[in-house]
Structure formats: structure tokens, C-alpha cells
């Protein structure tokens, strides 16, 4: 099993776009018991990946609770970098 932050990044090479809730839904079976598997931690990982140029914002909307959801996508260069350093 790869580290959680790696799994978050790798997820973006397999989907067109995702928000923190999407990532958590996709990874909950494998990482749900991890202490760091909390929404604020996933959002922090996404913002860090964006700041490092691996992913970019693709759109945003409001969820059913009127909370902002930011969607991200891995652009071609970001996906290539992720795949180069994170195998699997």
C-alpha cells in the first residue's frame, strides 16, 4: 500500500477530475482507518499538489450543504510527473 498522499495524487491520473469528497469516496475502503484520512487533510493535500503544479483547478460548485467544492484535474505534464515518481 502506498502512502495516503501518494494515493491522492495517483487518483488524479485515473479520473478526469475530482474534489476532496470524490477522492475520499474513492479511497475510503483502503485508507478510511488512517488518522490523516479527514476532509481537511485531503483538501490540504490537494492545495499542496496544486501549488506544486501537479494538478489544477477545473471548476467549483456548492454541495447540498452549500459548502464550496473545488474540483481539480491533473494536466498532461502533472499526470506524467505523478506517474514517473509514483508507480502502480
Protein backbone atom coordinates (compact mmCIF):
# COMPACT_ATOMS: atom_id res chain seq x y z
CA UNK A 1 0.00 0.00 0.00
CA UNK A 2 1.36 3.40 -0.96
CA UNK A 3 1.24 6.40 1.41
CA UNK A 4 -2.07 8.29 1.52
CA UNK A 5 -0.74 11.46 -0.13
CA UNK A 6 0.66 9.37 -2.97
CA UNK A 7 -2.71 7.63 -3.38
CA UNK A 8 -4.43 11.01 -3.54
CA UNK A 9 -2.10 12.16 -6.31
CA UNK A 10 -2.32 8.86 -8.18
CA UNK A 11 -6.12 9.10 -8.13
CA UNK A 12 -5.91 12.14 -10.40
CA UNK A 13 -4.15 10.11 -13.08
CA UNK A 14 -7.15 7.76 -13.21
CA UNK A 15 -10.06 10.23 -13.32
CA UNK A 16 -10.96 13.27 -15.38
CA UNK A 17 -11.48 15.46 -12.31
CA UNK A 18 -12.29 15.13 -8.61
CA UNK A 19 -12.98 17.12 -5.48
CA UNK A 20 -11.97 16.22 -1.90
CA UNK A 21 -15.25 14.34 -1.38
CA UNK A 22 -14.68 12.34 -4.59
CA UNK A 23 -11.16 11.43 -3.51
CA UNK A 24 -12.36 10.35 -0.08
CA UNK A 25 -15.12 8.20 -1.58
CA UNK A 26 -12.63 6.53 -3.91
CA UNK A 27 -10.03 5.85 -1.21
CA UNK A 28 -12.19 5.15 1.86
CA UNK A 29 -12.08 1.34 1.62
CA UNK A 30 -8.28 1.26 1.66
CA UNK A 31 -7.43 4.37 3.72
CA UNK A 32 -10.56 5.00 5.81
CA UNK A 33 -8.89 3.86 9.02
CA UNK A 34 -5.91 6.23 8.63
CA UNK A 35 -5.68 9.04 11.15
CA UNK A 36 -4.95 11.57 8.37
CA UNK A 37 -7.99 10.48 6.34
CA UNK A 38 -10.01 13.58 7.17
CA UNK A 39 -11.52 16.05 4.75
CA UNK A 40 -9.35 18.97 5.85
CA UNK A 41 -6.22 16.84 5.38
CA UNK A 42 -7.30 15.79 1.89
CA UNK A 43 -8.07 19.41 0.98
CA UNK A 44 -4.63 20.40 2.26
CA UNK A 45 -3.00 17.68 0.13
CA UNK A 46 -4.92 18.90 -2.94
CA UNK A 47 -3.95 22.52 -2.36
CA UNK A 48 -0.31 21.48 -1.91
CA UNK A 49 -0.39 19.46 -5.13
CA UNK A 50 -1.87 22.46 -6.93
CA UNK A 51 0.77 24.81 -5.50
CA UNK A 52 3.44 22.37 -6.74
CA UNK A 53 1.96 22.32 -10.25
CA UNK A 54 0.84 18.69 -10.27
CA UNK A 55 -2.90 19.40 -10.51
CA UNK A 56 -5.02 22.43 -11.37
CA UNK A 57 -8.50 23.68 -10.53
CA UNK A 58 -11.04 22.66 -13.14
CA UNK A 59 -14.31 24.01 -11.66
CA UNK A 60 -16.18 24.59 -8.44
CA UNK A 61 -19.74 24.30 -7.14
CA UNK A 62 -21.72 24.06 -3.90
CA UNK A 63 -22.64 20.76 -2.28
CA UNK A 64 -26.04 20.01 -0.73
CA UNK A 65 -24.93 21.80 2.47
CA UNK A 66 -23.97 24.90 0.47
CA UNK A 67 -20.27 24.26 1.09
CA UNK A 68 -17.81 25.08 -1.67
CA UNK A 69 -16.40 22.11 -3.57
CA UNK A 70 -13.31 22.72 -5.66
CA UNK A 71 -12.63 20.22 -8.42
CA UNK A 72 -9.12 19.55 -9.66
CA UNK A 73 -7.63 17.72 -12.62
CA UNK A 74 -4.16 16.51 -13.48
CA UNK A 75 -2.98 18.23 -16.64
CA UNK A 76 -0.79 16.24 -19.03
CA UNK A 77 2.53 17.33 -17.54
CA UNK A 78 1.30 16.89 -13.95
CA UNK A 79 -0.01 13.39 -14.66
CA UNK A 80 3.28 12.46 -16.32
CA UNK A 81 5.23 13.68 -13.28
CA UNK A 82 2.94 11.82 -10.87
CA UNK A 83 3.25 8.60 -12.90
CA UNK A 84 7.03 8.99 -13.16
CA UNK A 85 7.53 9.11 -9.39
CA UNK A 86 4.59 7.07 -8.11
CA UNK A 87 4.35 3.61 -9.64
CA UNK A 88 1.30 1.42 -9.51
